[in-house]
Amino acid sequence: MTETQPAPEGTHRDRTVEALRSRFDPEIPVNIYDLGLIYEVRFEPERNHAYVKMTLTSPACPVAGTLPGDVERKVASVEGVESAEVDLVWDPPWSMAMLSEAARLQLGL
């Protein structure tokens, strides 16, 4: 790969997921990726644009007004990402079934 060619999509996606795993829910000591709040991560190499579809544990979540913006800034700071978009959705609603195995172990479930 030369310097003028973009890195493969998986590389950017992997770095984006790693960045998401560094952001923890303020009420539950689990990162937002393993908590199951992230529904989709996509990278568009032609625009160096990252797209994240996410939810929150509840529409009444105390960080509903700030967490999506925090996530967008974190994703935009990933190497190779020039712009980021976070789409906050409520369907399907989040449930404990969305926890990863790592999150279940961390929470003792």
PDB file of N, CA and C in Angstrom:
ATOM      1  N   MET A   1       0.844  -1.167   0.000  1.00  0.00           N
ATOM      2  CA  MET A   1       0.000   0.000   0.000  1.00  0.00           C
ATOM      3  C   MET A   1       0.893   1.235   0.000  1.00  0.00           C
ATOM      4  N   THR A   2       0.573   2.188  -0.871  1.00  0.00           N
ATOM      5  CA  THR A   2       1.340   3.427  -0.895  1.00  0.00           C
ATOM      6  C   THR A   2       0.686   4.445   0.023  1.00  0.00           C
ATOM      7  N   GLU A   3       1.371   5.548   0.259  1.00  0.00           N
ATOM      8  CA  GLU A   3       0.836   6.580   1.144  1.00  0.00           C
ATOM      9  C   GLU A   3      -0.418   7.230   0.592  1.00  0.00           C
ATOM     10  N   THR A   4      -0.620   7.200  -0.704  1.00  0.00           N
ATOM     11  CA  THR A   4      -1.782   7.860  -1.295  1.00  0.00           C
ATOM     12  C   THR A   4      -3.017   6.967  -1.309  1.00  0.00           C
ATOM     13  N   GLN A   5      -2.857   5.707  -1.021  1.00  0.00           N
ATOM     14  CA  GLN A   5      -3.999   4.801  -1.003  1.00  0.00           C
ATOM     15  C   GLN A   5      -4.561   4.711   0.413  1.00  0.00           C
ATOM     16  N   PRO A   6      -5.904   4.709   0.539  1.00  0.00           N
ATOM     17  CA  PRO A   6      -6.483   4.551   1.868  1.00  0.00           C
ATOM     18  C   PRO A   6      -6.239   3.139   2.397  1.00  0.00           C
ATOM     19  N   ALA A   7      -6.192   3.018   3.693  1.00  0.00           N
ATOM     20  CA  ALA A   7      -6.042   1.705   4.319  1.00  0.00           C
ATOM     21  C   ALA A   7      -7.310   0.889   4.074  1.00  0.00           C
ATOM     22  N   PRO A   8      -7.208  -0.430   4.125  1.00  0.00           N
ATOM     23  CA  PRO A   8      -8.400  -1.259   3.955  1.00  0.00           C
ATOM     24  C   PRO A   8      -9.470  -0.899   4.986  1.00  0.00           C
ATOM     25  N   GLU A   9     -10.731  -1.098   4.600  1.00  0.00           N
ATOM     26  CA  GLU A   9     -11.848  -0.737   5.480  1.00  0.00           C
ATOM     27  C   GLU A   9     -11.718  -1.368   6.854  1.00  0.00           C
ATOM     28  N   GLY A  10     -11.348  -2.624   6.922  1.00  0.00           N
ATOM     29  CA  GLY A  10     -11.254  -3.304   8.209  1.00  0.00           C
ATOM     30  C   GLY A  10     -10.321  -2.608   9.172  1.00  0.00           C
ATOM     31  N   THR A  11      -9.251  -2.044   8.669  1.00  0.00           N
ATOM     32  CA  THR A  11      -8.310  -1.344   9.518  1.00  0.00           C
ATOM     33  C   THR A  11      -8.983  -0.152  10.195  1.00  0.00           C
ATOM     34  N   HIS A  12      -9.679   0.656   9.431  1.00  0.00           N
ATOM     35  CA  HIS A  12     -10.383   1.808   9.997  1.00  0.00           C
ATOM     36  C   HIS A  12     -11.507   1.355  10.924  1.00  0.00           C
ATOM     37  N   ARG A  13     -12.237   0.353  10.515  1.00  0.00           N
ATOM     38  CA  ARG A  13     -13.334  -0.147  11.345  1.00  0.00           C
ATOM     39  C   ARG A  13     -12.787  -0.680  12.661  1.00  0.00           C
ATOM     40  N   ASP A  14     -11.704  -1.445  12.590  1.00  0.00           N
ATOM     41  CA  ASP A  14     -11.111  -1.990  13.816  1.00  0.00           C
ATOM     42  C   ASP A  14     -10.661  -0.883  14.764  1.00  0.00           C
ATOM     43  N   ARG A  15     -10.045   0.156  14.201  1.00  0.00           N
ATOM     44  CA  ARG A  15      -9.607   1.278  15.045  1.00  0.00           C
ATOM     45  C   ARG A  15     -10.806   2.023  15.624  1.00  0.00           C
ATOM     46  N   THR A  16     -11.875   2.113  14.852  1.00  0.00           N
ATOM     47  CA  THR A  16     -13.087   2.770  15.346  1.00  0.00           C
ATOM     48  C   THR A  16     -13.693   1.967  16.487  1.00  0.00           C
ATOM     49  N   VAL A  17     -13.778   0.660  16.331  1.00  0.00           N
ATOM     50  CA  VAL A  17     -14.301  -0.191  17.398  1.00  0.00           C
ATOM     51  C   VAL A  17     -13.418  -0.082  18.641  1.00  0.00           C
ATOM     52  N   GLU A  18     -12.119  -0.059  18.451  1.00  0.00           N
ATOM     53  CA  GLU A  18     -11.196   0.102  19.580  1.00  0.00           C
ATOM     54  C   GLU A  18     -11.468   1.423  20.312  1.00  0.00           C
ATOM     55  N   ALA A  19     -11.695   2.487  19.560  1.00  0.00           N
ATOM     56  CA  ALA A  19     -12.017   3.784  20.172  1.00  0.00           C
ATOM     57  C   ALA A  19     -13.332   3.709  20.934  1.00  0.00           C
ATOM     58  N   LEU A  20     -14.326   3.038  20.364  1.00  0.00           N
ATOM     59  CA  LEU A  20     -15.612   2.889  21.045  1.00  0.00           C
ATOM     60  C   LEU A  20     -15.468   2.084  22.335  1.00  0.00           C
ATOM     61  N   ARG A  21     -14.586   1.112  22.314  1.00  0.00           N
ATOM     62  CA  ARG A  21     -14.358   0.306  23.523  1.00  0.00           C
ATOM     63  C   ARG A  21     -13.643   1.093  24.618  1.00  0.00           C
ATOM     64  N   SER A  22     -13.104   2.249  24.281  1.00  0.00           N
ATOM     65  CA  SER A  22     -12.448   3.068  25.305  1.00  0.00           C
ATOM     66  C   SER A  22     -13.424   4.041  25.973  1.00  0.00           C
ATOM     67  N   ARG A  23     -14.676   4.080  25.505  1.00  0.00           N
ATOM     68  CA  ARG A  23     -15.692   4.974  26.090  1.00  0.00           C
ATOM     69  C   ARG A  23     -16.615   4.136  26.959  1.00  0.00           C
ATOM     70  N   PHE A  24     -16.683   4.468  28.238  1.00  0.00           N
ATOM     71  CA  PHE A  24     -17.480   3.694  29.178  1.00  0.00           C
ATOM     72  C   PHE A  24     -18.791   4.390  29.497  1.00  0.00           C
ATOM     73  N   ASP A  25     -19.806   3.588  29.745  1.00  0.00           N
ATOM     74  CA  ASP A  25     -21.086   4.110  30.196  1.00  0.00           C
ATOM     75  C   ASP A  25     -20.869   4.726  31.576  1.00  0.00           C
ATOM     76  N   PRO A  26     -21.441   5.899  31.836  1.00  0.00           N
ATOM     77  CA  PRO A  26     -21.190   6.545  33.123  1.00  0.00           C
ATOM     78  C   PRO A  26     -21.858   5.852  34.318  1.00  0.00           C
ATOM     79  N   GLU A  27     -22.863   5.017  34.058  1.00  0.00           N
ATOM     80  CA  GLU A  27     -23.571   4.362  35.158  1.00  0.00           C
ATOM     81  C   GLU A  27     -23.230   2.888  35.306  1.00  0.00           C
ATOM     82  N   ILE A  28     -22.777   2.274  34.228  1.00  0.00           N
ATOM     83  CA  ILE A  28     -22.457   0.847  34.237  1.00  0.00           C
ATOM     84  C   ILE A  28     -20.985   0.731  33.857  1.00  0.00           C
ATOM     85  N   PRO A  29     -20.170   0.058  34.647  1.00  0.00           N
ATOM     86  CA  PRO A  29     -18.723   0.026  34.368  1.00  0.00           C
ATOM     87  C   PRO A  29     -18.337  -0.899  33.204  1.00  0.00           C
ATOM     88  N   VAL A  30     -18.959  -0.659  32.045  1.00  0.00           N
ATOM     89  CA  VAL A  30     -18.708  -1.454  30.848  1.00  0.00           C
ATOM     90  C   VAL A  30     -18.609  -0.476  29.680  1.00  0.00           C
ATOM     91  N   ASN A  31     -17.716  -0.769  28.735  1.00  0.00           N
ATOM     92  CA  ASN A  31     -17.608   0.119  27.581  1.00  0.00           C
ATOM     93  C   ASN A  31     -18.865   0.024  26.717  1.00  0.00           C
ATOM     94  N   ILE A  32     -19.116   1.083  25.960  1.00  0.00           N
ATOM     95  CA  ILE A  32     -20.370   1.170  25.214  1.00  0.00           C
ATOM     96  C   ILE A  32     -20.486   0.135  24.102  1.00  0.00           C
ATOM     97  N   TYR A  33     -19.355  -0.356  23.591  1.00  0.00           N
ATOM     98  CA  TYR A  33     -19.398  -1.378  22.541  1.00  0.00           C
ATOM     99  C   TYR A  33     -19.848  -2.717  23.130  1.00  0.00           C
ATOM    100  N   ASP A  34     -19.195  -3.141  24.204  1.00  0.00           N
ATOM    101  CA  ASP A  34     -19.563  -4.418  24.827  1.00  0.00           C
ATOM    102  C   ASP A  34     -20.905  -4.349  25.543  1.00  0.00           C
ATOM    103  N   LEU A  35     -21.318  -3.151  25.898  1.00  0.00           N
ATOM    104  CA  LEU A  35     -22.635  -2.969  26.509  1.00  0.00           C
ATOM    105  C   LEU A  35     -23.749  -3.211  25.489  1.00  0.00           C
ATOM    106  N   GLY A  36     -23.392  -3.184  24.212  1.00  0.00           N
ATOM    107  CA  GLY A  36     -24.380  -3.438  23.165  1.00  0.00           C
ATOM    108  C   GLY A  36     -25.073  -2.178  22.686  1.00  0.00           C
ATOM    109  N   LEU A  37     -24.507  -1.015  22.991  1.00  0.00           N
ATOM    110  CA  LEU A  37     -25.115   0.241  22.557  1.00  0.00           C
ATOM    111  C   LEU A  37     -24.805   0.570  21.102  1.00  0.00           C
ATOM    112  N   ILE A  38     -23.790  -0.087  20.543  1.00  0.00           N
ATOM    113  CA  ILE A  38     -23.389   0.182  19.165  1.00  0.00           C
ATOM    114  C   ILE A  38     -24.010  -0.874  18.257  1.00  0.00           C
ATOM    115  N   TYR A  39     -24.875  -0.425  17.362  1.00  0.00           N
ATOM    116  CA  TYR A  39     -25.568  -1.338  16.453  1.00  0.00           C
ATOM    117  C   TYR A  39     -24.846  -1.523  15.122  1.00  0.00           C
ATOM    118  N   GLU A  40     -24.110  -0.497  14.691  1.00  0.00           N
ATOM    119  CA  GLU A  40     -23.447  -0.599  13.393  1.00  0.00           C
ATOM    120  C   GLU A  40     -22.238   0.331  13.370  1.00  0.00           C
ATOM    121  N   VAL A  41     -21.156  -0.146  12.763  1.00  0.00           N
ATOM    122  CA  VAL A  41     -19.967   0.673  12.512  1.00  0.00           C
ATOM    123  C   VAL A  41     -19.610   0.453  11.051  1.00  0.00           C
ATOM    124  N   ARG A  42     -19.537   1.564  10.309  1.00  0.00           N
ATOM    125  CA  ARG A  42     -19.250   1.466   8.876  1.00  0.00           C
ATOM    126  C   ARG A  42     -18.225   2.538   8.521  1.00  0.00           C
ATOM    127  N   PHE A  43     -17.324   2.212   7.620  1.00  0.00           N
ATOM    128  CA  PHE A  43     -16.341   3.182   7.146  1.00  0.00           C
ATOM    129  C   PHE A  43     -16.469   3.316   5.645  1.00  0.00           C
ATOM    130  N   GLU A  44     -16.569   4.556   5.176  1.00  0.00           N
ATOM    131  CA  GLU A  44     -16.672   4.843   3.746  1.00  0.00           C
ATOM    132  C   GLU A  44     -15.324   5.376   3.289  1.00  0.00           C
ATOM    133  N   PRO A  45     -14.486   4.529   2.680  1.00  0.00           N
ATOM    134  CA  PRO A  45     -13.118   4.927   2.331  1.00  0.00           C
ATOM    135  C   PRO A  45     -13.039   6.060   1.307  1.00  0.00           C
ATOM    136  N   GLU A  46     -14.019   6.164   0.442  1.00  0.00           N
ATOM    137  CA  GLU A  46     -13.958   7.226  -0.566  1.00  0.00           C
ATOM    138  C   GLU A  46     -14.053   8.618   0.069  1.00  0.00           C
ATOM    139  N   ARG A  47     -14.645   8.706   1.265  1.00  0.00           N
ATOM    140  CA  ARG A  47     -14.754   9.993   1.968  1.00  0.00           C
ATOM    141  C   ARG A  47     -13.984   9.993   3.291  1.00  0.00           C
ATOM    142  N   ASN A  48     -13.353   8.870   3.647  1.00  0.00           N
ATOM    143  CA  ASN A  48     -12.718   8.718   4.964  1.00  0.00           C
ATOM    144  C   ASN A  48     -13.713   9.081   6.064  1.00  0.00           C
ATOM    145  N   HIS A  49     -14.915   8.568   5.907  1.00  0.00           N
ATOM    146  CA  HIS A  49     -16.038   8.898   6.785  1.00  0.00           C
ATOM    147  C   HIS A  49     -16.462   7.664   7.584  1.00  0.00           C
ATOM    148  N   ALA A  50     -16.622   7.854   8.873  1.00  0.00           N
ATOM    149  CA  ALA A  50     -17.089   6.766   9.738  1.00  0.00           C
ATOM    150  C   ALA A  50     -18.539   7.032  10.128  1.00  0.00           C
ATOM    151  N   TYR A  51     -19.334   5.980  10.119  1.00  0.00           N
ATOM    152  CA  TYR A  51     -20.745   6.055  10.491  1.00  0.00           C
ATOM    153  C   TYR A  51     -20.980   5.073  11.630  1.00  0.00           C
ATOM    154  N   VAL A  52     -21.640   5.547  12.678  1.00  0.00           N
ATOM    155  CA  VAL A  52     -21.962   4.697  13.826  1.00  0.00           C
ATOM    156  C   VAL A  52     -23.451   4.833  14.114  1.00  0.00           C
ATOM    157  N   LYS A  53     -24.123   3.704  14.199  1.00  0.00           N
ATOM    158  CA  LYS A  53     -25.515   3.677  14.638  1.00  0.00           C
ATOM    159  C   LYS A  53     -25.508   3.145  16.066  1.00  0.00           C
ATOM    160  N   MET A  54     -26.111   3.910  16.963  1.00  0.00           N
ATOM    161  CA  MET A  54     -26.074   3.502  18.365  1.00  0.00           C
ATOM    162  C   MET A  54     -27.407   3.800  19.041  1.00  0.00           C
ATOM    163  N   THR A  55     -27.536   3.267  20.243  1.00  0.00           N
ATOM    164  CA  THR A  55     -28.690   3.539  21.079  1.00  0.00           C
ATOM    165  C   THR A  55     -28.175   3.848  22.479  1.00  0.00           C
ATOM    166  N   LEU A  56     -29.085   4.040  23.385  1.00  0.00           N
ATOM    167  CA  LEU A  56     -28.766   4.216  24.800  1.00  0.00           C
ATOM    168  C   LEU A  56     -29.586   3.195  25.582  1.00  0.00           C
ATOM    169  N   THR A  57     -29.229   2.991  26.827  1.00  0.00           N
ATOM    170  CA  THR A  57     -29.959   2.001  27.623  1.00  0.00           C
ATOM    171  C   THR A  57     -31.410   2.407  27.825  1.00  0.00           C
ATOM    172  N   SER A  58     -31.676   3.718  27.757  1.00  0.00           N
ATOM    173  CA  SER A  58     -33.027   4.229  27.939  1.00  0.00           C
ATOM    174  C   SER A  58     -33.105   5.638  27.347  1.00  0.00           C
ATOM    175  N   PRO A  59     -34.260   6.020  26.805  1.00  0.00           N
ATOM    176  CA  PRO A  59     -34.402   7.404  26.347  1.00  0.00           C
ATOM    177  C   PRO A  59     -34.220   8.416  27.485  1.00  0.00           C
ATOM    178  N   ALA A  60     -34.441   7.978  28.715  1.00  0.00           N
ATOM    179  CA  ALA A  60     -34.286   8.857  29.876  1.00  0.00           C
ATOM    180  C   ALA A  60     -32.859   8.831  30.436  1.00  0.00           C
ATOM    181  N   CYS A  61     -31.939   8.208  29.727  1.00  0.00           N
ATOM    182  CA  CYS A  61     -30.546   8.121  30.164  1.00  0.00           C
ATOM    183  C   CYS A  61     -30.020   9.527  30.432  1.00  0.00           C
ATOM    184  N   PRO A  62     -29.344   9.733  31.570  1.00  0.00           N
ATOM    185  CA  PRO A  62     -28.867  11.076  31.911  1.00  0.00           C
ATOM    186  C   PRO A  62     -27.851  11.659  30.932  1.00  0.00           C
ATOM    187  N   VAL A  63     -27.207  10.824  30.121  1.00  0.00           N
ATOM    188  CA  VAL A  63     -26.228  11.346  29.153  1.00  0.00           C
ATOM    189  C   VAL A  63     -26.771  11.340  27.727  1.00  0.00           C
ATOM    190  N   ALA A  64     -28.083  11.232  27.593  1.00  0.00           N
ATOM    191  CA  ALA A  64     -28.693  11.192  26.257  1.00  0.00           C
ATOM    192  C   ALA A  64     -28.331  12.421  25.434  1.00  0.00           C
ATOM    193  N   GLY A  65     -28.169  13.554  26.060  1.00  0.00           N
ATOM    194  CA  GLY A  65     -27.849  14.770  25.340  1.00  0.00           C
ATOM    195  C   GLY A  65     -26.379  14.935  25.008  1.00  0.00           C
ATOM    196  N   THR A  66     -25.509  14.178  25.677  1.00  0.00           N
ATOM    197  CA  THR A  66     -24.072  14.371  25.480  1.00  0.00           C
ATOM    198  C   THR A  66     -23.333  13.157  24.915  1.00  0.00           C
ATOM    199  N   LEU A  67     -23.759  11.958  25.231  1.00  0.00           N
ATOM    200  CA  LEU A  67     -23.010  10.766  24.812  1.00  0.00           C
ATOM    201  C   LEU A  67     -22.886  10.637  23.293  1.00  0.00           C
ATOM    202  N   PRO A  68     -23.946  10.825  22.509  1.00  0.00           N
ATOM    203  CA  PRO A  68     -23.765  10.707  21.056  1.00  0.00           C
ATOM    204  C   PRO A  68     -22.713  11.685  20.518  1.00  0.00           C
ATOM    205  N   GLY A  69     -22.690  12.905  21.001  1.00  0.00           N
ATOM    206  CA  GLY A  69     -21.677  13.873  20.573  1.00  0.00           C
ATOM    207  C   GLY A  69     -20.284  13.465  21.004  1.00  0.00           C
ATOM    208  N   ASP A  70     -20.165  12.923  22.228  1.00  0.00           N
ATOM    209  CA  ASP A  70     -18.875  12.415  22.702  1.00  0.00           C
ATOM    210  C   ASP A  70     -18.384  11.283  21.803  1.00  0.00           C
ATOM    211  N   VAL A  71     -19.293  10.392  21.442  1.00  0.00           N
ATOM    212  CA  VAL A  71     -18.941   9.264  20.577  1.00  0.00           C
ATOM    213  C   VAL A  71     -18.509   9.773  19.203  1.00  0.00           C
ATOM    214  N   GLU A  72     -19.220  10.742  18.673  1.00  0.00           N
ATOM    215  CA  GLU A  72     -18.868  11.283  17.359  1.00  0.00           C
ATOM    216  C   GLU A  72     -17.464  11.903  17.385  1.00  0.00           C
ATOM    217  N   ARG A  73     -17.150  12.661  18.444  1.00  0.00           N
ATOM    218  CA  ARG A  73     -15.817  13.262  18.550  1.00  0.00           C
ATOM    219  C   ARG A  73     -14.740  12.197  18.693  1.00  0.00           C
ATOM    220  N   LYS A  74     -15.016  11.159  19.469  1.00  0.00           N
ATOM    221  CA  LYS A  74     -14.040  10.080  19.664  1.00  0.00           C
ATOM    222  C   LYS A  74     -13.778   9.359  18.347  1.00  0.00           C
ATOM    223  N   VAL A  75     -14.818   9.064  17.597  1.00  0.00           N
ATOM    224  CA  VAL A  75     -14.669   8.377  16.316  1.00  0.00           C
ATOM    225  C   VAL A  75     -13.952   9.279  15.308  1.00  0.00           C
ATOM    226  N   ALA A  76     -14.267  10.555  15.308  1.00  0.00           N
ATOM    227  CA  ALA A  76     -13.618  11.492  14.382  1.00  0.00           C
ATOM    228  C   ALA A  76     -12.127  11.631  14.670  1.00  0.00           C
ATOM    229  N   SER A  77     -11.708  11.295  15.884  1.00  0.00           N
ATOM    230  CA  SER A  77     -10.293  11.408  16.241  1.00  0.00           C
ATOM    231  C   SER A  77      -9.482  10.167  15.869  1.00  0.00           C
ATOM    232  N   VAL A  78     -10.143   9.129  15.366  1.00  0.00           N
ATOM    233  CA  VAL A  78      -9.457   7.903  14.967  1.00  0.00           C
ATOM    234  C   VAL A  78      -8.575   8.196  13.752  1.00  0.00           C
ATOM    235  N   GLU A  79      -7.368   7.669  13.767  1.00  0.00           N
ATOM    236  CA  GLU A  79      -6.442   7.868  12.653  1.00  0.00           C
ATOM    237  C   GLU A  79      -7.080   7.416  11.345  1.00  0.00           C
ATOM    238  N   GLY A  80      -7.038   8.282  10.337  1.00  0.00           N
ATOM    239  CA  GLY A  80      -7.585   7.955   9.027  1.00  0.00           C
ATOM    240  C   GLY A  80      -9.028   8.359   8.841  1.00  0.00           C
ATOM    241  N   VAL A  81      -9.700   8.761   9.916  1.00  0.00           N
ATOM    242  CA  VAL A  81     -11.088   9.199   9.826  1.00  0.00           C
ATOM    243  C   VAL A  81     -11.082  10.719   9.724  1.00  0.00           C
ATOM    244  N   GLU A  82     -11.684  11.235   8.663  1.00  0.00           N
ATOM    245  CA  GLU A  82     -11.744  12.684   8.477  1.00  0.00           C
ATOM    246  C   GLU A  82     -13.064  13.269   8.956  1.00  0.00           C
ATOM    247  N   SER A  83     -14.117  12.457   8.940  1.00  0.00           N
ATOM    248  CA  SER A  83     -15.411  12.917   9.439  1.00  0.00           C
ATOM    249  C   SER A  83     -16.151  11.723  10.025  1.00  0.00           C
ATOM    250  N   ALA A  84     -17.052  12.047  10.940  1.00  0.00           N
ATOM    251  CA  ALA A  84     -17.808  10.986  11.605  1.00  0.00           C
ATOM    252  C   ALA A  84     -19.253  11.427  11.773  1.00  0.00           C
ATOM    253  N   GLU A  85     -20.120  10.439  11.790  1.00  0.00           N
ATOM    254  CA  GLU A  85     -21.550  10.680  11.979  1.00  0.00           C
ATOM    255  C   GLU A  85     -22.071   9.627  12.942  1.00  0.00           C
ATOM    256  N   VAL A  86     -22.828  10.059  13.939  1.00  0.00           N
ATOM    257  CA  VAL A  86     -23.460   9.138  14.872  1.00  0.00           C
ATOM    258  C   VAL A  86     -24.963   9.301  14.732  1.00  0.00           C
ATOM    259  N   ASP A  87     -25.624   8.192  14.496  1.00  0.00           N
ATOM    260  CA  ASP A  87     -27.077   8.159  14.370  1.00  0.00           C
ATOM    261  C   ASP A  87     -27.620   7.491  15.623  1.00  0.00           C
ATOM    262  N   LEU A  88     -28.357   8.237  16.438  1.00  0.00           N
ATOM    263  CA  LEU A  88     -28.956   7.702  17.656  1.00  0.00           C
ATOM    264  C   LEU A  88     -30.338   7.155  17.316  1.00  0.00           C
ATOM    265  N   VAL A  89     -30.549   5.865  17.589  1.00  0.00           N
ATOM    266  CA  VAL A  89     -31.815   5.209  17.252  1.00  0.00           C
ATOM    267  C   VAL A  89     -32.390   4.540  18.506  1.00  0.00           C
ATOM    268  N   TRP A  90     -33.662   4.296  18.466  1.00  0.00           N
ATOM    269  CA  TRP A  90     -34.334   3.642  19.603  1.00  0.00           C
ATOM    270  C   TRP A  90     -34.945   2.300  19.213  1.00  0.00           C
ATOM    271  N   ASP A  91     -34.784   1.917  17.965  1.00  0.00           N
ATOM    272  CA  ASP A  91     -35.348   0.655  17.507  1.00  0.00           C
ATOM    273  C   ASP A  91     -34.243  -0.157  16.841  1.00  0.00           C
ATOM    274  N   PRO A  92     -33.945  -1.327  17.312  1.00  0.00           N
ATOM    275  CA  PRO A  92     -34.601  -1.985  18.442  1.00  0.00           C
ATOM    276  C   PRO A  92     -34.155  -1.374  19.768  1.00  0.00           C
ATOM    277  N   PRO A  93     -35.035  -1.432  20.751  1.00  0.00           N
ATOM    278  CA  PRO A  93     -34.660  -0.910  22.062  1.00  0.00           C
ATOM    279  C   PRO A  93     -33.566  -1.768  22.691  1.00  0.00           C
ATOM    280  N   TRP A  94     -32.686  -1.125  23.449  1.00  0.00           N
ATOM    281  CA  TRP A  94     -31.613  -1.844  24.122  1.00  0.00           C
ATOM    282  C   TRP A  94     -32.194  -2.757  25.195  1.00  0.00           C
ATOM    283  N   SER A  95     -31.564  -3.915  25.373  1.00  0.00           N
ATOM    284  CA  SER A  95     -31.929  -4.833  26.459  1.00  0.00           C
ATOM    285  C   SER A  95     -30.663  -5.535  26.935  1.00  0.00           C
ATOM    286  N   MET A  96     -30.746  -6.161  28.077  1.00  0.00           N
ATOM    287  CA  MET A  96     -29.599  -6.885  28.641  1.00  0.00           C
ATOM    288  C   MET A  96     -29.118  -7.990  27.701  1.00  0.00           C
ATOM    289  N   ALA A  97     -29.971  -8.459  26.824  1.00  0.00           N
ATOM    290  CA  ALA A  97     -29.587  -9.499  25.872  1.00  0.00           C
ATOM    291  C   ALA A  97     -28.508  -9.012  24.907  1.00  0.00           C
ATOM    292  N   MET A  98     -28.322  -7.703  24.807  1.00  0.00           N
ATOM    293  CA  MET A  98     -27.340  -7.141  23.884  1.00  0.00           C
ATOM    294  C   MET A  98     -25.935  -7.085  24.465  1.00  0.00           C
ATOM    295  N   LEU A  99     -25.786  -7.401  25.737  1.00  0.00           N
ATOM    296  CA  LEU A  99     -24.462  -7.407  26.359  1.00  0.00           C
ATOM    297  C   LEU A  99     -23.579  -8.472  25.719  1.00  0.00           C
ATOM    298  N   SER A 100     -22.317  -8.126  25.480  1.00  0.00           N
ATOM    299  CA  SER A 100     -21.370  -9.128  24.978  1.00  0.00           C
ATOM    300  C   SER A 100     -21.034 -10.097  26.109  1.00  0.00           C
ATOM    301  N   GLU A 101     -20.421 -11.197  25.756  1.00  0.00           N
ATOM    302  CA  GLU A 101     -19.994 -12.166  26.762  1.00  0.00           C
ATOM    303  C   GLU A 101     -19.010 -11.522  27.740  1.00  0.00           C
ATOM    304  N   ALA A 102     -18.114 -10.686  27.216  1.00  0.00           N
ATOM    305  CA  ALA A 102     -17.143  -9.991  28.080  1.00  0.00           C
ATOM    306  C   ALA A 102     -17.859  -9.089  29.079  1.00  0.00           C
ATOM    307  N   ALA A 103     -18.906  -8.400  28.629  1.00  0.00           N
ATOM    308  CA  ALA A 103     -19.666  -7.523  29.522  1.00  0.00           C
ATOM    309  C   ALA A 103     -20.396  -8.344  30.587  1.00  0.00           C
ATOM    310  N   ARG A 104     -20.937  -9.481  30.185  1.00  0.00           N
ATOM    311  CA  ARG A 104     -21.643 -10.345  31.158  1.00  0.00           C
ATOM    312  C   ARG A 104     -20.687 -10.815  32.248  1.00  0.00           C
ATOM    313  N   LEU A 105     -19.487 -11.201  31.837  1.00  0.00           N
ATOM    314  CA  LEU A 105     -18.484 -11.638  32.813  1.00  0.00           C
ATOM    315  C   LEU A 105     -18.086 -10.487  33.722  1.00  0.00           C
ATOM    316  N   GLN A 106     -17.893  -9.312  33.142  1.00  0.00           N
ATOM    317  CA  GLN A 106     -17.476  -8.149  33.912  1.00  0.00           C
ATOM    318  C   GLN A 106     -18.545  -7.764  34.948  1.00  0.00           C
ATOM    319  N   LEU A 107     -19.815  -7.934  34.583  1.00  0.00           N
ATOM    320  CA  LEU A 107     -20.903  -7.577  35.484  1.00  0.00           C
ATOM    321  C   LEU A 107     -21.326  -8.739  36.391  1.00  0.00           C
ATOM    322  N   GLY A 108     -20.689  -9.889  36.206  1.00  0.00           N
ATOM    323  CA  GLY A 108     -21.019 -11.048  37.032  1.00  0.00           C
ATOM    324  C   GLY A 108     -22.359 -11.668  36.695  1.00  0.00           C
ATOM    325  N   LEU A 109     -22.759 -11.592  35.443  1.00  0.00           N
ATOM    326  CA  LEU A 109     -24.045 -12.160  35.030  1.00  0.00           C
ATOM    327  C   LEU A 109     -23.890 -13.520  34.404  1.00  0.00           C
TER     328      LEU A 109
END
